[in-house]
Amino acid sequence: MKARKTGAVCIFIGLLGTVIFAVGLICARNPAAFTVKYRYDYTLERFCAFCADWWLPAGIIGIPLFLISLIISLVRESKEKKS
């Protein structure tokens, strides 16, 4: 049971890193991608700035962590179904 929780946490962290990577890449290439005309949202601006600053490390860590954790989880589930 503990291994399953650890796998879920790794999948969540990997998915979060992947989201930060995607948003940061979009904001780094097009800073006005998430802005709305005639409206200013400080929280969204700060989130985009954070993602634009950390998109590369988040992608390097998040994508492989997500994929490896997902594959390990699927292999474990497949073994449990066979036995």
PDB file of N, CA and C in Angstrom:
ATOM      1  N   MET A   1       0.813  -1.194   0.000  1.00  0.00           N
ATOM      2  CA  MET A   1       0.000   0.000   0.000  1.00  0.00           C
ATOM      3  C   MET A   1       0.861   1.265   0.000  1.00  0.00           C
ATOM      4  N   LYS A   2       1.970   1.241   0.769  1.00  0.00           N
ATOM      5  CA  LYS A   2       2.841   2.405   0.842  1.00  0.00           C
ATOM      6  C   LYS A   2       3.490   2.693  -0.511  1.00  0.00           C
ATOM      7  N   ALA A   3       3.880   1.659  -1.243  1.00  0.00           N
ATOM      8  CA  ALA A   3       4.508   1.845  -2.556  1.00  0.00           C
ATOM      9  C   ALA A   3       3.531   2.497  -3.526  1.00  0.00           C
ATOM     10  N   ARG A   4       2.271   2.177  -3.418  1.00  0.00           N
ATOM     11  CA  ARG A   4       1.270   2.763  -4.303  1.00  0.00           C
ATOM     12  C   ARG A   4       1.117   4.258  -4.027  1.00  0.00           C
ATOM     13  N   LYS A   5       1.137   4.661  -2.743  1.00  0.00           N
ATOM     14  CA  LYS A   5       1.044   6.078  -2.408  1.00  0.00           C
ATOM     15  C   LYS A   5       2.275   6.825  -2.915  1.00  0.00           C
ATOM     16  N   THR A   6       3.443   6.232  -2.764  1.00  0.00           N
ATOM     17  CA  THR A   6       4.664   6.865  -3.243  1.00  0.00           C
ATOM     18  C   THR A   6       4.613   7.040  -4.751  1.00  0.00           C
ATOM     19  N   GLY A   7       4.086   6.070  -5.462  1.00  0.00           N
ATOM     20  CA  GLY A   7       3.946   6.182  -6.905  1.00  0.00           C
ATOM     21  C   GLY A   7       2.996   7.294  -7.293  1.00  0.00           C
ATOM     22  N   ALA A   8       1.922   7.445  -6.552  1.00  0.00           N
ATOM     23  CA  ALA A   8       0.956   8.506  -6.850  1.00  0.00           C
ATOM     24  C   ALA A   8       1.566   9.879  -6.610  1.00  0.00           C
ATOM     25  N   VAL A   9       2.368  10.004  -5.576  1.00  0.00           N
ATOM     26  CA  VAL A   9       3.021  11.280  -5.291  1.00  0.00           C
ATOM     27  C   VAL A   9       4.012  11.621  -6.400  1.00  0.00           C
ATOM     28  N   CYS A  10       4.782  10.646  -6.858  1.00  0.00           N
ATOM     29  CA  CYS A  10       5.740  10.884  -7.940  1.00  0.00           C
ATOM     30  C   CYS A  10       5.026  11.246  -9.245  1.00  0.00           C
ATOM     31  N   ILE A  11       3.906  10.595  -9.511  1.00  0.00           N
ATOM     32  CA  ILE A  11       3.133  10.934 -10.708  1.00  0.00           C
ATOM     33  C   ILE A  11       2.615  12.363 -10.603  1.00  0.00           C
ATOM     34  N   PHE A  12       2.112  12.753  -9.428  1.00  0.00           N
ATOM     35  CA  PHE A  12       1.599  14.114  -9.235  1.00  0.00           C
ATOM     36  C   PHE A  12       2.708  15.154  -9.402  1.00  0.00           C
ATOM     37  N   ILE A  13       3.865  14.922  -8.799  1.00  0.00           N
ATOM     38  CA  ILE A  13       4.978  15.866  -8.908  1.00  0.00           C
ATOM     39  C   ILE A  13       5.461  15.953 -10.357  1.00  0.00           C
ATOM     40  N   GLY A  14       5.523  14.823 -11.033  1.00  0.00           N
ATOM     41  CA  GLY A  14       5.910  14.832 -12.442  1.00  0.00           C
ATOM     42  C   GLY A  14       4.915  15.571 -13.308  1.00  0.00           C
ATOM     43  N   LEU A  15       3.643  15.383 -13.036  1.00  0.00           N
ATOM     44  CA  LEU A  15       2.603  16.088 -13.797  1.00  0.00           C
ATOM     45  C   LEU A  15       2.652  17.589 -13.520  1.00  0.00           C
ATOM     46  N   LEU A  16       2.884  17.968 -12.274  1.00  0.00           N
ATOM     47  CA  LEU A  16       3.022  19.383 -11.926  1.00  0.00           C
ATOM     48  C   LEU A  16       4.228  19.996 -12.633  1.00  0.00           C
ATOM     49  N   GLY A  17       5.340  19.288 -12.666  1.00  0.00           N
ATOM     50  CA  GLY A  17       6.514  19.779 -13.387  1.00  0.00           C
ATOM     51  C   GLY A  17       6.257  19.913 -14.867  1.00  0.00           C
ATOM     52  N   THR A  18       5.507  18.979 -15.425  1.00  0.00           N
ATOM     53  CA  THR A  18       5.170  19.041 -16.848  1.00  0.00           C
ATOM     54  C   THR A  18       4.277  20.243 -17.150  1.00  0.00           C
ATOM     55  N   VAL A  19       3.337  20.534 -16.279  1.00  0.00           N
ATOM     56  CA  VAL A  19       2.462  21.701 -16.464  1.00  0.00           C
ATOM     57  C   VAL A  19       3.269  22.996 -16.363  1.00  0.00           C
ATOM     58  N   ILE A  20       4.170  23.069 -15.387  1.00  0.00           N
ATOM     59  CA  ILE A  20       5.018  24.255 -15.254  1.00  0.00           C
ATOM     60  C   ILE A  20       5.894  24.410 -16.495  1.00  0.00           C
ATOM     61  N   PHE A  21       6.390  23.295 -17.025  1.00  0.00           N
ATOM     62  CA  PHE A  21       7.188  23.330 -18.244  1.00  0.00           C
ATOM     63  C   PHE A  21       6.376  23.880 -19.418  1.00  0.00           C
ATOM     64  N   ALA A  22       5.164  23.371 -19.596  1.00  0.00           N
ATOM     65  CA  ALA A  22       4.347  23.795 -20.734  1.00  0.00           C
ATOM     66  C   ALA A  22       3.957  25.273 -20.623  1.00  0.00           C
ATOM     67  N   VAL A  23       3.497  25.690 -19.463  1.00  0.00           N
ATOM     68  CA  VAL A  23       3.092  27.091 -19.277  1.00  0.00           C
ATOM     69  C   VAL A  23       4.305  28.011 -19.403  1.00  0.00           C
ATOM     70  N   GLY A  24       5.417  27.611 -18.817  1.00  0.00           N
ATOM     71  CA  GLY A  24       6.626  28.421 -18.887  1.00  0.00           C
ATOM     72  C   GLY A  24       7.154  28.554 -20.297  1.00  0.00           C
ATOM     73  N   LEU A  25       7.106  27.487 -21.064  1.00  0.00           N
ATOM     74  CA  LEU A  25       7.558  27.543 -22.449  1.00  0.00           C
ATOM     75  C   LEU A  25       6.676  28.485 -23.269  1.00  0.00           C
ATOM     76  N   ILE A  26       5.384  28.398 -23.056  1.00  0.00           N
ATOM     77  CA  ILE A  26       4.459  29.295 -23.769  1.00  0.00           C
ATOM     78  C   ILE A  26       4.710  30.748 -23.362  1.00  0.00           C
ATOM     79  N   CYS A  27       4.865  30.999 -22.065  1.00  0.00           N
ATOM     80  CA  CYS A  27       5.077  32.377 -21.598  1.00  0.00           C
ATOM     81  C   CYS A  27       6.449  32.918 -22.010  1.00  0.00           C
ATOM     82  N   ALA A  28       7.445  32.060 -22.099  1.00  0.00           N
ATOM     83  CA  ALA A  28       8.778  32.511 -22.498  1.00  0.00           C
ATOM     84  C   ALA A  28       8.800  32.898 -23.974  1.00  0.00           C
ATOM     85  N   ARG A  29       8.057  32.181 -24.787  1.00  0.00           N
ATOM     86  CA  ARG A  29       8.053  32.467 -26.224  1.00  0.00           C
ATOM     87  C   ARG A  29       7.051  33.558 -26.599  1.00  0.00           C
ATOM     88  N   ASN A  30       5.939  33.637 -25.860  1.00  0.00           N
ATOM     89  CA  ASN A  30       4.919  34.643 -26.141  1.00  0.00           C
ATOM     90  C   ASN A  30       4.412  35.190 -24.804  1.00  0.00           C
ATOM     91  N   PRO A  31       5.044  36.262 -24.303  1.00  0.00           N
ATOM     92  CA  PRO A  31       4.667  36.780 -22.970  1.00  0.00           C
ATOM     93  C   PRO A  31       3.206  37.214 -22.850  1.00  0.00           C
ATOM     94  N   ALA A  32       2.554  37.525 -23.935  1.00  0.00           N
ATOM     95  CA  ALA A  32       1.162  37.975 -23.876  1.00  0.00           C
ATOM     96  C   ALA A  32       0.172  36.842 -24.132  1.00  0.00           C
ATOM     97  N   ALA A  33       0.605  35.612 -24.024  1.00  0.00           N
ATOM     98  CA  ALA A  33      -0.254  34.474 -24.370  1.00  0.00           C
ATOM     99  C   ALA A  33      -1.460  34.333 -23.437  1.00  0.00           C
ATOM    100  N   PHE A  34      -1.277  34.600 -22.159  1.00  0.00           N
ATOM    101  CA  PHE A  34      -2.366  34.390 -21.205  1.00  0.00           C
ATOM    102  C   PHE A  34      -3.018  35.691 -20.747  1.00  0.00           C
ATOM    103  N   THR A  35      -2.706  36.786 -21.386  1.00  0.00           N
ATOM    104  CA  THR A  35      -3.299  38.057 -20.984  1.00  0.00           C
ATOM    105  C   THR A  35      -4.615  38.290 -21.723  1.00  0.00           C
ATOM    106  N   VAL A  36      -5.486  39.037 -21.071  1.00  0.00           N
ATOM    107  CA  VAL A  36      -6.778  39.397 -21.645  1.00  0.00           C
ATOM    108  C   VAL A  36      -6.797  40.909 -21.832  1.00  0.00           C
ATOM    109  N   LYS A  37      -7.277  41.335 -22.961  1.00  0.00           N
ATOM    110  CA  LYS A  37      -7.317  42.756 -23.252  1.00  0.00           C
ATOM    111  C   LYS A  37      -8.233  43.477 -22.254  1.00  0.00           C
ATOM    112  N   TYR A  38      -7.799  44.617 -21.772  1.00  0.00           N
ATOM    113  CA  TYR A  38      -8.534  45.474 -20.836  1.00  0.00           C
ATOM    114  C   TYR A  38      -8.724  44.848 -19.457  1.00  0.00           C
ATOM    115  N   ARG A  39      -7.878  43.892 -19.104  1.00  0.00           N
ATOM    116  CA  ARG A  39      -7.987  43.286 -17.779  1.00  0.00           C
ATOM    117  C   ARG A  39      -6.594  42.917 -17.307  1.00  0.00           C
ATOM    118  N   TYR A  40      -6.308  43.159 -16.027  1.00  0.00           N
ATOM    119  CA  TYR A  40      -5.008  42.855 -15.458  1.00  0.00           C
ATOM    120  C   TYR A  40      -5.203  41.906 -14.289  1.00  0.00           C
ATOM    121  N   ASP A  41      -4.492  40.793 -14.307  1.00  0.00           N
ATOM    122  CA  ASP A  41      -4.572  39.812 -13.236  1.00  0.00           C
ATOM    123  C   ASP A  41      -3.168  39.582 -12.694  1.00  0.00           C
ATOM    124  N   TYR A  42      -2.924  40.094 -11.502  1.00  0.00           N
ATOM    125  CA  TYR A  42      -1.596  40.018 -10.906  1.00  0.00           C
ATOM    126  C   TYR A  42      -1.183  38.572 -10.625  1.00  0.00           C
ATOM    127  N   THR A  43      -2.103  37.766 -10.141  1.00  0.00           N
ATOM    128  CA  THR A  43      -1.793  36.382  -9.814  1.00  0.00           C
ATOM    129  C   THR A  43      -1.385  35.597 -11.057  1.00  0.00           C
ATOM    130  N   LEU A  44      -2.115  35.766 -12.132  1.00  0.00           N
ATOM    131  CA  LEU A  44      -1.768  35.088 -13.376  1.00  0.00           C
ATOM    132  C   LEU A  44      -0.424  35.567 -13.902  1.00  0.00           C
ATOM    133  N   GLU A  45      -0.162  36.862 -13.784  1.00  0.00           N
ATOM    134  CA  GLU A  45       1.128  37.392 -14.232  1.00  0.00           C
ATOM    135  C   GLU A  45       2.279  36.792 -13.427  1.00  0.00           C
ATOM    136  N   ARG A  46       2.122  36.705 -12.123  1.00  0.00           N
ATOM    137  CA  ARG A  46       3.169  36.137 -11.266  1.00  0.00           C
ATOM    138  C   ARG A  46       3.357  34.642 -11.544  1.00  0.00           C
ATOM    139  N   PHE A  47       2.264  33.920 -11.750  1.00  0.00           N
ATOM    140  CA  PHE A  47       2.359  32.496 -12.071  1.00  0.00           C
ATOM    141  C   PHE A  47       3.090  32.294 -13.397  1.00  0.00           C
ATOM    142  N   CYS A  48       2.762  33.095 -14.395  1.00  0.00           N
ATOM    143  CA  CYS A  48       3.448  32.999 -15.691  1.00  0.00           C
ATOM    144  C   CYS A  48       4.916  33.375 -15.555  1.00  0.00           C
ATOM    145  N   ALA A  49       5.224  34.373 -14.732  1.00  0.00           N
ATOM    146  CA  ALA A  49       6.623  34.756 -14.524  1.00  0.00           C
ATOM    147  C   ALA A  49       7.386  33.631 -13.828  1.00  0.00           C
ATOM    148  N   PHE A  50       6.762  33.003 -12.838  1.00  0.00           N
ATOM    149  CA  PHE A  50       7.395  31.869 -12.160  1.00  0.00           C
ATOM    150  C   PHE A  50       7.650  30.727 -13.137  1.00  0.00           C
ATOM    151  N   CYS A  51       6.647  30.391 -13.931  1.00  0.00           N
ATOM    152  CA  CYS A  51       6.790  29.299 -14.901  1.00  0.00           C
ATOM    153  C   CYS A  51       7.835  29.639 -15.965  1.00  0.00           C
ATOM    154  N   ALA A  52       7.883  30.898 -16.395  1.00  0.00           N
ATOM    155  CA  ALA A  52       8.872  31.305 -17.398  1.00  0.00           C
ATOM    156  C   ALA A  52      10.286  31.236 -16.837  1.00  0.00           C
ATOM    157  N   ASP A  53      10.437  31.450 -15.530  1.00  0.00           N
ATOM    158  CA  ASP A  53      11.755  31.363 -14.907  1.00  0.00           C
ATOM    159  C   ASP A  53      12.210  29.920 -14.690  1.00  0.00           C
ATOM    160  N   TRP A  54      11.271  29.015 -14.429  1.00  0.00           N
ATOM    161  CA  TRP A  54      11.620  27.650 -14.034  1.00  0.00           C
ATOM    162  C   TRP A  54      11.204  26.584 -15.041  1.00  0.00           C
ATOM    163  N   TRP A  55      10.851  26.939 -16.269  1.00  0.00           N
ATOM    164  CA  TRP A  55      10.315  25.953 -17.204  1.00  0.00           C
ATOM    165  C   TRP A  55      11.339  24.895 -17.601  1.00  0.00           C
ATOM    166  N   LEU A  56      12.596  25.266 -17.765  1.00  0.00           N
ATOM    167  CA  LEU A  56      13.593  24.284 -18.190  1.00  0.00           C
ATOM    168  C   LEU A  56      13.887  23.244 -17.108  1.00  0.00           C
ATOM    169  N   PRO A  57      14.192  23.636 -15.858  1.00  0.00           N
ATOM    170  CA  PRO A  57      14.409  22.597 -14.837  1.00  0.00           C
ATOM    171  C   PRO A  57      13.151  21.763 -14.567  1.00  0.00           C
ATOM    172  N   ALA A  58      11.987  22.406 -14.630  1.00  0.00           N
ATOM    173  CA  ALA A  58      10.743  21.664 -14.404  1.00  0.00           C
ATOM    174  C   ALA A  58      10.525  20.624 -15.496  1.00  0.00           C
ATOM    175  N   GLY A  59      10.864  20.957 -16.716  1.00  0.00           N
ATOM    176  CA  GLY A  59      10.721  20.004 -17.815  1.00  0.00           C
ATOM    177  C   GLY A  59      11.733  18.880 -17.736  1.00  0.00           C
ATOM    178  N   ILE A  60      12.971  19.216 -17.362  1.00  0.00           N
ATOM    179  CA  ILE A  60      14.018  18.203 -17.256  1.00  0.00           C
ATOM    180  C   ILE A  60      13.695  17.202 -16.155  1.00  0.00           C
ATOM    181  N   ILE A  61      13.127  17.669 -15.067  1.00  0.00           N
ATOM    182  CA  ILE A  61      12.798  16.778 -13.947  1.00  0.00           C
ATOM    183  C   ILE A  61      11.397  16.204 -14.090  1.00  0.00           C
ATOM    184  N   GLY A  62      10.428  17.024 -14.456  1.00  0.00           N
ATOM    185  CA  GLY A  62       9.024  16.625 -14.428  1.00  0.00           C
ATOM    186  C   GLY A  62       8.613  15.596 -15.469  1.00  0.00           C
ATOM    187  N   ILE A  63       9.029  15.777 -16.711  1.00  0.00           N
ATOM    188  CA  ILE A  63       8.594  14.869 -17.776  1.00  0.00           C
ATOM    189  C   ILE A  63       9.117  13.448 -17.569  1.00  0.00           C
ATOM    190  N   PRO A  64      10.437  13.258 -17.343  1.00  0.00           N
ATOM    191  CA  PRO A  64      10.899  11.880 -17.092  1.00  0.00           C
ATOM    192  C   PRO A  64      10.317  11.269 -15.818  1.00  0.00           C
ATOM    193  N   LEU A  65      10.176  12.083 -14.759  1.00  0.00           N
ATOM    194  CA  LEU A  65       9.602  11.577 -13.511  1.00  0.00           C
ATOM    195  C   LEU A  65       8.174  11.101 -13.738  1.00  0.00           C
ATOM    196  N   PHE A  66       7.391  11.875 -14.469  1.00  0.00           N
ATOM    197  CA  PHE A  66       6.017  11.493 -14.761  1.00  0.00           C
ATOM    198  C   PHE A  66       5.960  10.205 -15.587  1.00  0.00           C
ATOM    199  N   LEU A  67       6.748  10.145 -16.643  1.00  0.00           N
ATOM    200  CA  LEU A  67       6.713   8.968 -17.512  1.00  0.00           C
ATOM    201  C   LEU A  67       7.206   7.714 -16.806  1.00  0.00           C
ATOM    202  N   ILE A  68       8.312   7.810 -16.078  1.00  0.00           N
ATOM    203  CA  ILE A  68       8.848   6.640 -15.379  1.00  0.00           C
ATOM    204  C   ILE A  68       7.883   6.167 -14.297  1.00  0.00           C
ATOM    205  N   SER A  69       7.328   7.097 -13.520  1.00  0.00           N
ATOM    206  CA  SER A  69       6.377   6.724 -12.465  1.00  0.00           C
ATOM    207  C   SER A  69       5.117   6.096 -13.050  1.00  0.00           C
ATOM    208  N   LEU A  70       4.656   6.624 -14.171  1.00  0.00           N
ATOM    209  CA  LEU A  70       3.473   6.072 -14.812  1.00  0.00           C
ATOM    210  C   LEU A  70       3.731   4.659 -15.328  1.00  0.00           C
ATOM    211  N   ILE A  71       4.873   4.445 -15.942  1.00  0.00           N
ATOM    212  CA  ILE A  71       5.214   3.108 -16.446  1.00  0.00           C
ATOM    213  C   ILE A  71       5.361   2.121 -15.300  1.00  0.00           C
ATOM    214  N   ILE A  72       6.037   2.514 -14.228  1.00  0.00           N
ATOM    215  CA  ILE A  72       6.200   1.628 -13.070  1.00  0.00           C
ATOM    216  C   ILE A  72       4.845   1.295 -12.465  1.00  0.00           C
ATOM    217  N   SER A  73       3.968   2.281 -12.362  1.00  0.00           N
ATOM    218  CA  SER A  73       2.632   2.051 -11.817  1.00  0.00           C
ATOM    219  C   SER A  73       1.836   1.076 -12.692  1.00  0.00           C
ATOM    220  N   LEU A  74       1.919   1.239 -13.998  1.00  0.00           N
ATOM    221  CA  LEU A  74       1.195   0.335 -14.899  1.00  0.00           C
ATOM    222  C   LEU A  74       1.750  -1.076 -14.848  1.00  0.00           C
ATOM    223  N   VAL A  75       3.064  -1.223 -14.715  1.00  0.00           N
ATOM    224  CA  VAL A  75       3.672  -2.550 -14.613  1.00  0.00           C
ATOM    225  C   VAL A  75       3.234  -3.215 -13.306  1.00  0.00           C
ATOM    226  N   ARG A  76       3.254  -2.487 -12.214  1.00  0.00           N
ATOM    227  CA  ARG A  76       2.808  -3.047 -10.919  1.00  0.00           C
ATOM    228  C   ARG A  76       1.341  -3.465 -10.979  1.00  0.00           C
ATOM    229  N   GLU A  77       0.518  -2.649 -11.574  1.00  0.00           N
ATOM    230  CA  GLU A  77      -0.907  -2.976 -11.676  1.00  0.00           C
ATOM    231  C   GLU A  77      -1.121  -4.216 -12.549  1.00  0.00           C
ATOM    232  N   SER A  78      -0.354  -4.319 -13.603  1.00  0.00           N
ATOM    233  CA  SER A  78      -0.459  -5.480 -14.482  1.00  0.00           C
ATOM    234  C   SER A  78      -0.039  -6.757 -13.744  1.00  0.00           C
ATOM    235  N   LYS A  79       1.022  -6.683 -12.950  1.00  0.00           N
ATOM    236  CA  LYS A  79       1.469  -7.843 -12.166  1.00  0.00           C
ATOM    237  C   LYS A  79       0.428  -8.242 -11.119  1.00  0.00           C
ATOM    238  N   GLU A  80      -0.216  -7.244 -10.497  1.00  0.00           N
ATOM    239  CA  GLU A  80      -1.251  -7.539  -9.507  1.00  0.00           C
ATOM    240  C   GLU A  80      -2.468  -8.211 -10.135  1.00  0.00           C
ATOM    241  N   LYS A  81      -2.820  -7.825 -11.351  1.00  0.00           N
ATOM    242  CA  LYS A  81      -3.971  -8.434 -12.021  1.00  0.00           C
ATOM    243  C   LYS A  81      -3.673  -9.870 -12.409  1.00  0.00           C
ATOM    244  N   LYS A  82      -2.424 -10.180 -12.784  1.00  0.00           N
ATOM    245  CA  LYS A  82      -2.073 -11.537 -13.184  1.00  0.00           C
ATOM    246  C   LYS A  82      -2.084 -12.490 -11.997  1.00  0.00           C
ATOM    247  N   SER A  83      -1.718 -11.998 -10.820  1.00  0.00           N
ATOM    248  CA  SER A  83      -1.676 -12.905  -9.650  1.00  0.00           C
ATOM    249  C   SER A  83      -2.928 -12.865  -8.820  1.00  0.00           C
TER     250      SER A  83
END
